[in-house]
Amino acid sequence: MSTKEQLKQETKKWLSRIEKKMPKVRETAKNKNYVQNIKAYISDCKHFMKQEKYILSFEAVVWAWAWLQILRELKLIKE
């Protein structure tokens, strides 16, 4: 399998996982901007996937996960 194909598959895997988690994330006044950032990174990921820009797509999904983890650790989100 090529590196491109591996990157594409990893991106799809992590995108699928975060899309399953996001409906459970409750937006509050304190976390609203951060949750919107996560959603924007997910949207960017999909956009770059369509353009076959797999490095940018993977980077976007990694940032989405990073923000989700940060909000969890700061206890700014509940799932």
PDB file of N, CA and C in Angstrom:
ATOM      1  N   MET A   1       0.852  -1.176   0.000  1.00  0.00           N
ATOM      2  CA  MET A   1       0.000   0.000   0.000  1.00  0.00           C
ATOM      3  C   MET A   1       0.899   1.241   0.000  1.00  0.00           C
ATOM      4  N   SER A   2       0.538   2.209  -0.795  1.00  0.00           N
ATOM      5  CA  SER A   2       1.335   3.428  -0.893  1.00  0.00           C
ATOM      6  C   SER A   2       1.160   4.306   0.352  1.00  0.00           C
ATOM      7  N   THR A   3       2.099   5.190   0.549  1.00  0.00           N
ATOM      8  CA  THR A   3       2.030   6.133   1.666  1.00  0.00           C
ATOM      9  C   THR A   3       0.775   6.998   1.548  1.00  0.00           C
ATOM     10  N   LYS A   4       0.473   7.402   0.334  1.00  0.00           N
ATOM     11  CA  LYS A   4      -0.723   8.220   0.086  1.00  0.00           C
ATOM     12  C   LYS A   4      -1.975   7.476   0.530  1.00  0.00           C
ATOM     13  N   GLU A   5      -2.069   6.227   0.176  1.00  0.00           N
ATOM     14  CA  GLU A   5      -3.243   5.419   0.540  1.00  0.00           C
ATOM     15  C   GLU A   5      -3.315   5.202   2.048  1.00  0.00           C
ATOM     16  N   GLN A   6      -2.170   4.983   2.680  1.00  0.00           N
ATOM     17  CA  GLN A   6      -2.146   4.819   4.142  1.00  0.00           C
ATOM     18  C   GLN A   6      -2.617   6.088   4.838  1.00  0.00           C
ATOM     19  N   LEU A   7      -2.138   7.227   4.365  1.00  0.00           N
ATOM     20  CA  LEU A   7      -2.532   8.513   4.948  1.00  0.00           C
ATOM     21  C   LEU A   7      -4.025   8.757   4.771  1.00  0.00           C
ATOM     22  N   LYS A   8      -4.526   8.415   3.612  1.00  0.00           N
ATOM     23  CA  LYS A   8      -5.954   8.553   3.332  1.00  0.00           C
ATOM     24  C   LYS A   8      -6.777   7.681   4.274  1.00  0.00           C
ATOM     25  N   GLN A   9      -6.362   6.447   4.471  1.00  0.00           N
ATOM     26  CA  GLN A   9      -7.093   5.530   5.351  1.00  0.00           C
ATOM     27  C   GLN A   9      -7.041   5.979   6.804  1.00  0.00           C
ATOM     28  N   GLU A  10      -5.883   6.425   7.270  1.00  0.00           N
ATOM     29  CA  GLU A  10      -5.758   6.909   8.651  1.00  0.00           C
ATOM     30  C   GLU A  10      -6.644   8.135   8.870  1.00  0.00           C
ATOM     31  N   THR A  11      -6.651   9.023   7.901  1.00  0.00           N
ATOM     32  CA  THR A  11      -7.470  10.231   8.012  1.00  0.00           C
ATOM     33  C   THR A  11      -8.941   9.864   8.093  1.00  0.00           C
ATOM     34  N   LYS A  12      -9.377   8.969   7.232  1.00  0.00           N
ATOM     35  CA  LYS A  12     -10.778   8.528   7.262  1.00  0.00           C
ATOM     36  C   LYS A  12     -11.127   7.874   8.597  1.00  0.00           C
ATOM     37  N   LYS A  13     -10.212   7.081   9.129  1.00  0.00           N
ATOM     38  CA  LYS A  13     -10.452   6.402  10.403  1.00  0.00           C
ATOM     39  C   LYS A  13     -10.674   7.420  11.516  1.00  0.00           C
ATOM     40  N   TRP A  14      -9.764   8.393  11.633  1.00  0.00           N
ATOM     41  CA  TRP A  14      -9.866   9.370  12.714  1.00  0.00           C
ATOM     42  C   TRP A  14     -11.011  10.346  12.499  1.00  0.00           C
ATOM     43  N   LEU A  15     -11.315  10.655  11.254  1.00  0.00           N
ATOM     44  CA  LEU A  15     -12.462  11.515  10.951  1.00  0.00           C
ATOM     45  C   LEU A  15     -13.753  10.823  11.366  1.00  0.00           C
ATOM     46  N   SER A  16     -13.863   9.558  11.043  1.00  0.00           N
ATOM     47  CA  SER A  16     -15.055   8.790  11.421  1.00  0.00           C
ATOM     48  C   SER A  16     -15.227   8.752  12.935  1.00  0.00           C
ATOM     49  N   ARG A  17     -14.143   8.549  13.641  1.00  0.00           N
ATOM     50  CA  ARG A  17     -14.204   8.472  15.107  1.00  0.00           C
ATOM     51  C   ARG A  17     -14.636   9.795  15.736  1.00  0.00           C
ATOM     52  N   ILE A  18     -14.079  10.895  15.243  1.00  0.00           N
ATOM     53  CA  ILE A  18     -14.435  12.179  15.850  1.00  0.00           C
ATOM     54  C   ILE A  18     -15.858  12.581  15.478  1.00  0.00           C
ATOM     55  N   GLU A  19     -16.304  12.193  14.293  1.00  0.00           N
ATOM     56  CA  GLU A  19     -17.688  12.491  13.904  1.00  0.00           C
ATOM     57  C   GLU A  19     -18.684  11.738  14.791  1.00  0.00           C
ATOM     58  N   LYS A  20     -18.301  10.591  15.295  1.00  0.00           N
ATOM     59  CA  LYS A  20     -19.169   9.846  16.209  1.00  0.00           C
ATOM     60  C   LYS A  20     -19.198  10.487  17.592  1.00  0.00           C
ATOM     61  N   LYS A  21     -18.102  11.134  17.983  1.00  0.00           N
ATOM     62  CA  LYS A  21     -18.013  11.762  19.302  1.00  0.00           C
ATOM     63  C   LYS A  21     -18.691  13.132  19.351  1.00  0.00           C
ATOM     64  N   MET A  22     -18.613  13.886  18.285  1.00  0.00           N
ATOM     65  CA  MET A  22     -19.073  15.273  18.312  1.00  0.00           C
ATOM     66  C   MET A  22     -20.553  15.456  18.666  1.00  0.00           C
ATOM     67  N   PRO A  23     -21.467  14.599  18.232  1.00  0.00           N
ATOM     68  CA  PRO A  23     -22.863  14.803  18.639  1.00  0.00           C
ATOM     69  C   PRO A  23     -23.065  14.719  20.153  1.00  0.00           C
ATOM     70  N   LYS A  24     -22.133  14.085  20.851  1.00  0.00           N
ATOM     71  CA  LYS A  24     -22.234  13.944  22.302  1.00  0.00           C
ATOM     72  C   LYS A  24     -21.636  15.139  23.044  1.00  0.00           C
ATOM     73  N   VAL A  25     -20.899  15.982  22.339  1.00  0.00           N
ATOM     74  CA  VAL A  25     -20.251  17.136  22.961  1.00  0.00           C
ATOM     75  C   VAL A  25     -21.289  18.236  23.147  1.00  0.00           C
ATOM     76  N   ARG A  26     -21.396  18.692  24.374  1.00  0.00           N
ATOM     77  CA  ARG A  26     -22.351  19.759  24.696  1.00  0.00           C
ATOM     78  C   ARG A  26     -21.655  21.107  24.634  1.00  0.00           C
ATOM     79  N   GLU A  27     -22.212  21.987  23.829  1.00  0.00           N
ATOM     80  CA  GLU A  27     -21.659  23.325  23.695  1.00  0.00           C
ATOM     81  C   GLU A  27     -22.191  24.204  24.826  1.00  0.00           C
ATOM     82  N   THR A  28     -21.292  24.951  25.460  1.00  0.00           N
ATOM     83  CA  THR A  28     -21.677  25.863  26.541  1.00  0.00           C
ATOM     84  C   THR A  28     -21.127  27.250  26.225  1.00  0.00           C
ATOM     85  N   ALA A  29     -21.482  28.210  27.055  1.00  0.00           N
ATOM     86  CA  ALA A  29     -20.971  29.563  26.861  1.00  0.00           C
ATOM     87  C   ALA A  29     -19.444  29.596  26.983  1.00  0.00           C
ATOM     88  N   LYS A  30     -18.891  28.783  27.869  1.00  0.00           N
ATOM     89  CA  LYS A  30     -17.434  28.771  28.095  1.00  0.00           C
ATOM     90  C   LYS A  30     -16.660  28.085  26.971  1.00  0.00           C
ATOM     91  N   ASN A  31     -17.261  27.094  26.330  1.00  0.00           N
ATOM     92  CA  ASN A  31     -16.503  26.318  25.339  1.00  0.00           C
ATOM     93  C   ASN A  31     -16.943  26.564  23.900  1.00  0.00           C
ATOM     94  N   LYS A  32     -17.917  27.435  23.707  1.00  0.00           N
ATOM     95  CA  LYS A  32     -18.531  27.612  22.385  1.00  0.00           C
ATOM     96  C   LYS A  32     -17.501  27.839  21.269  1.00  0.00           C
ATOM     97  N   ASN A  33     -16.586  28.775  21.469  1.00  0.00           N
ATOM     98  CA  ASN A  33     -15.608  29.077  20.419  1.00  0.00           C
ATOM     99  C   ASN A  33     -14.698  27.887  20.135  1.00  0.00           C
ATOM    100  N   TYR A  34     -14.335  27.159  21.180  1.00  0.00           N
ATOM    101  CA  TYR A  34     -13.455  25.998  21.010  1.00  0.00           C
ATOM    102  C   TYR A  34     -14.169  24.876  20.257  1.00  0.00           C
ATOM    103  N   VAL A  35     -15.417  24.642  20.609  1.00  0.00           N
ATOM    104  CA  VAL A  35     -16.191  23.599  19.924  1.00  0.00           C
ATOM    105  C   VAL A  35     -16.381  23.977  18.455  1.00  0.00           C
ATOM    106  N   GLN A  36     -16.607  25.255  18.198  1.00  0.00           N
ATOM    107  CA  GLN A  36     -16.724  25.708  16.811  1.00  0.00           C
ATOM    108  C   GLN A  36     -15.419  25.493  16.051  1.00  0.00           C
ATOM    109  N   ASN A  37     -14.282  25.675  16.738  1.00  0.00           N
ATOM    110  CA  ASN A  37     -12.984  25.401  16.105  1.00  0.00           C
ATOM    111  C   ASN A  37     -12.855  23.934  15.735  1.00  0.00           C
ATOM    112  N   ILE A  38     -13.282  23.043  16.626  1.00  0.00           N
ATOM    113  CA  ILE A  38     -13.228  21.606  16.334  1.00  0.00           C
ATOM    114  C   ILE A  38     -14.061  21.313  15.090  1.00  0.00           C
ATOM    115  N   LYS A  39     -15.255  21.865  15.051  1.00  0.00           N
ATOM    116  CA  LYS A  39     -16.129  21.647  13.894  1.00  0.00           C
ATOM    117  C   LYS A  39     -15.509  22.205  12.612  1.00  0.00           C
ATOM    118  N   ALA A  40     -14.829  23.339  12.720  1.00  0.00           N
ATOM    119  CA  ALA A  40     -14.171  23.927  11.545  1.00  0.00           C
ATOM    120  C   ALA A  40     -13.034  23.035  11.054  1.00  0.00           C
ATOM    121  N   TYR A  41     -12.262  22.476  11.985  1.00  0.00           N
ATOM    122  CA  TYR A  41     -11.191  21.558  11.580  1.00  0.00           C
ATOM    123  C   TYR A  41     -11.754  20.300  10.916  1.00  0.00           C
ATOM    124  N   ILE A  42     -12.878  19.813  11.410  1.00  0.00           N
ATOM    125  CA  ILE A  42     -13.520  18.653  10.782  1.00  0.00           C
ATOM    126  C   ILE A  42     -13.966  19.006   9.366  1.00  0.00           C
ATOM    127  N   SER A  43     -14.550  20.179   9.224  1.00  0.00           N
ATOM    128  CA  SER A  43     -14.973  20.647   7.904  1.00  0.00           C
ATOM    129  C   SER A  43     -13.774  20.795   6.969  1.00  0.00           C
ATOM    130  N   ASP A  44     -12.679  21.361   7.486  1.00  0.00           N
ATOM    131  CA  ASP A  44     -11.460  21.506   6.682  1.00  0.00           C
ATOM    132  C   ASP A  44     -10.941  20.144   6.244  1.00  0.00           C
ATOM    133  N   CYS A  45     -10.970  19.194   7.148  1.00  0.00           N
ATOM    134  CA  CYS A  45     -10.516  17.837   6.839  1.00  0.00           C
ATOM    135  C   CYS A  45     -11.285  17.281   5.646  1.00  0.00           C
ATOM    136  N   LYS A  46     -12.594  17.402   5.691  1.00  0.00           N
ATOM    137  CA  LYS A  46     -13.428  16.890   4.595  1.00  0.00           C
ATOM    138  C   LYS A  46     -13.125  17.619   3.284  1.00  0.00           C
ATOM    139  N   HIS A  47     -12.963  18.927   3.385  1.00  0.00           N
ATOM    140  CA  HIS A  47     -12.665  19.746   2.208  1.00  0.00           C
ATOM    141  C   HIS A  47     -11.363  19.283   1.547  1.00  0.00           C
ATOM    142  N   PHE A  48     -10.322  19.113   2.364  1.00  0.00           N
ATOM    143  CA  PHE A  48      -9.035  18.686   1.827  1.00  0.00           C
ATOM    144  C   PHE A  48      -9.082  17.256   1.297  1.00  0.00           C
ATOM    145  N   MET A  49      -9.897  16.406   1.902  1.00  0.00           N
ATOM    146  CA  MET A  49     -10.051  15.037   1.391  1.00  0.00           C
ATOM    147  C   MET A  49     -10.607  15.065  -0.029  1.00  0.00           C
ATOM    148  N   LYS A  50     -11.617  15.913  -0.241  1.00  0.00           N
ATOM    149  CA  LYS A  50     -12.211  16.009  -1.581  1.00  0.00           C
ATOM    150  C   LYS A  50     -11.196  16.487  -2.610  1.00  0.00           C
ATOM    151  N   GLN A  51     -10.288  17.337  -2.164  1.00  0.00           N
ATOM    152  CA  GLN A  51      -9.262  17.859  -3.073  1.00  0.00           C
ATOM    153  C   GLN A  51      -8.046  16.929  -3.166  1.00  0.00           C
ATOM    154  N   GLU A  52      -8.108  15.818  -2.441  1.00  0.00           N
ATOM    155  CA  GLU A  52      -7.021  14.844  -2.389  1.00  0.00           C
ATOM    156  C   GLU A  52      -5.723  15.450  -1.838  1.00  0.00           C
ATOM    157  N   LYS A  53      -5.887  16.367  -0.912  1.00  0.00           N
ATOM    158  CA  LYS A  53      -4.748  16.954  -0.197  1.00  0.00           C
ATOM    159  C   LYS A  53      -4.683  16.256   1.153  1.00  0.00           C
ATOM    160  N   TYR A  54      -4.145  15.054   1.125  1.00  0.00           N
ATOM    161  CA  TYR A  54      -4.234  14.168   2.283  1.00  0.00           C
ATOM    162  C   TYR A  54      -3.379  14.601   3.472  1.00  0.00           C
ATOM    163  N   ILE A  55      -2.282  15.264   3.226  1.00  0.00           N
ATOM    164  CA  ILE A  55      -1.470  15.749   4.348  1.00  0.00           C
ATOM    165  C   ILE A  55      -2.234  16.834   5.096  1.00  0.00           C
ATOM    166  N   LEU A  56      -2.803  17.782   4.368  1.00  0.00           N
ATOM    167  CA  LEU A  56      -3.584  18.847   5.011  1.00  0.00           C
ATOM    168  C   LEU A  56      -4.822  18.285   5.692  1.00  0.00           C
ATOM    169  N   SER A  57      -5.434  17.309   5.073  1.00  0.00           N
ATOM    170  CA  SER A  57      -6.616  16.681   5.645  1.00  0.00           C
ATOM    171  C   SER A  57      -6.280  15.992   6.964  1.00  0.00           C
ATOM    172  N   PHE A  58      -5.187  15.253   6.977  1.00  0.00           N
ATOM    173  CA  PHE A  58      -4.762  14.565   8.198  1.00  0.00           C
ATOM    174  C   PHE A  58      -4.410  15.573   9.286  1.00  0.00           C
ATOM    175  N   GLU A  59      -3.718  16.621   8.902  1.00  0.00           N
ATOM    176  CA  GLU A  59      -3.356  17.661   9.865  1.00  0.00           C
ATOM    177  C   GLU A  59      -4.611  18.271  10.496  1.00  0.00           C
ATOM    178  N   ALA A  60      -5.627  18.523   9.709  1.00  0.00           N
ATOM    179  CA  ALA A  60      -6.862  19.111  10.224  1.00  0.00           C
ATOM    180  C   ALA A  60      -7.551  18.185  11.221  1.00  0.00           C
ATOM    181  N   VAL A  61      -7.612  16.902  10.928  1.00  0.00           N
ATOM    182  CA  VAL A  61      -8.274  15.978  11.851  1.00  0.00           C
ATOM    183  C   VAL A  61      -7.452  15.816  13.134  1.00  0.00           C
ATOM    184  N   VAL A  62      -6.133  15.904  13.015  1.00  0.00           N
ATOM    185  CA  VAL A  62      -5.284  15.835  14.214  1.00  0.00           C
ATOM    186  C   VAL A  62      -5.541  17.051  15.105  1.00  0.00           C
ATOM    187  N   TRP A  63      -5.666  18.222  14.508  1.00  0.00           N
ATOM    188  CA  TRP A  63      -5.972  19.421  15.285  1.00  0.00           C
ATOM    189  C   TRP A  63      -7.346  19.314  15.947  1.00  0.00           C
ATOM    190  N   ALA A  64      -8.311  18.775  15.242  1.00  0.00           N
ATOM    191  CA  ALA A  64      -9.646  18.591  15.828  1.00  0.00           C
ATOM    192  C   ALA A  64      -9.562  17.707  17.070  1.00  0.00           C
ATOM    193  N   TRP A  65      -8.833  16.596  16.953  1.00  0.00           N
ATOM    194  CA  TRP A  65      -8.655  15.700  18.103  1.00  0.00           C
ATOM    195  C   TRP A  65      -7.905  16.377  19.237  1.00  0.00           C
ATOM    196  N   ALA A  66      -6.902  17.174  18.890  1.00  0.00           N
ATOM    197  CA  ALA A  66      -6.124  17.868  19.919  1.00  0.00           C
ATOM    198  C   ALA A  66      -7.018  18.798  20.726  1.00  0.00           C
ATOM    199  N   TRP A  67      -7.841  19.573  20.050  1.00  0.00           N
ATOM    200  CA  TRP A  67      -8.749  20.482  20.751  1.00  0.00           C
ATOM    201  C   TRP A  67      -9.762  19.717  21.595  1.00  0.00           C
ATOM    202  N   LEU A  68     -10.241  18.624  21.096  1.00  0.00           N
ATOM    203  CA  LEU A  68     -11.187  17.815  21.862  1.00  0.00           C
ATOM    204  C   LEU A  68     -10.528  17.318  23.155  1.00  0.00           C
ATOM    205  N   GLN A  69      -9.302  16.827  23.043  1.00  0.00           N
ATOM    206  CA  GLN A  69      -8.582  16.350  24.221  1.00  0.00           C
ATOM    207  C   GLN A  69      -8.295  17.473  25.211  1.00  0.00           C
ATOM    208  N   ILE A  70      -7.896  18.625  24.703  1.00  0.00           N
ATOM    209  CA  ILE A  70      -7.618  19.770  25.571  1.00  0.00           C
ATOM    210  C   ILE A  70      -8.873  20.164  26.345  1.00  0.00           C
ATOM    211  N   LEU A  71      -9.996  20.237  25.664  1.00  0.00           N
ATOM    212  CA  LEU A  71     -11.254  20.603  26.332  1.00  0.00           C
ATOM    213  C   LEU A  71     -11.653  19.575  27.378  1.00  0.00           C
ATOM    214  N   ARG A  72     -11.402  18.312  27.088  1.00  0.00           N
ATOM    215  CA  ARG A  72     -11.670  17.260  28.082  1.00  0.00           C
ATOM    216  C   ARG A  72     -10.811  17.459  29.329  1.00  0.00           C
ATOM    217  N   GLU A  73      -9.519  17.642  29.120  1.00  0.00           N
ATOM    218  CA  GLU A  73      -8.600  17.790  30.235  1.00  0.00           C
ATOM    219  C   GLU A  73      -8.899  19.030  31.076  1.00  0.00           C
ATOM    220  N   LEU A  74      -9.360  20.098  30.422  1.00  0.00           N
ATOM    221  CA  LEU A  74      -9.725  21.314  31.144  1.00  0.00           C
ATOM    222  C   LEU A  74     -11.141  21.248  31.714  1.00  0.00           C
ATOM    223  N   LYS A  75     -11.798  20.116  31.450  1.00  0.00           N
ATOM    224  CA  LYS A  75     -13.170  19.889  31.897  1.00  0.00           C
ATOM    225  C   LYS A  75     -14.131  20.969  31.385  1.00  0.00           C
ATOM    226  N   LEU A  76     -13.903  21.368  30.147  1.00  0.00           N
ATOM    227  CA  LEU A  76     -14.777  22.349  29.506  1.00  0.00           C
ATOM    228  C   LEU A  76     -15.839  21.706  28.631  1.00  0.00           C
ATOM    229  N   ILE A  77     -15.761  20.389  28.494  1.00  0.00           N
ATOM    230  CA  ILE A  77     -16.812  19.684  27.767  1.00  0.00           C
ATOM    231  C   ILE A  77     -17.248  18.472  28.555  1.00  0.00           C
ATOM    232  N   LYS A  78     -18.481  18.096  28.294  1.00  0.00           N
ATOM    233  CA  LYS A  78     -19.029  16.859  28.859  1.00  0.00           C
ATOM    234  C   LYS A  78     -19.512  16.027  27.685  1.00  0.00           C
ATOM    235  N   GLU A  79     -19.297  14.742  27.801  1.00  0.00           N
ATOM    236  CA  GLU A  79     -19.758  13.839  26.730  1.00  0.00           C
ATOM    237  C   GLU A  79     -20.761  12.874  27.303  1.00  0.00           C
TER     238      GLU A  79
END
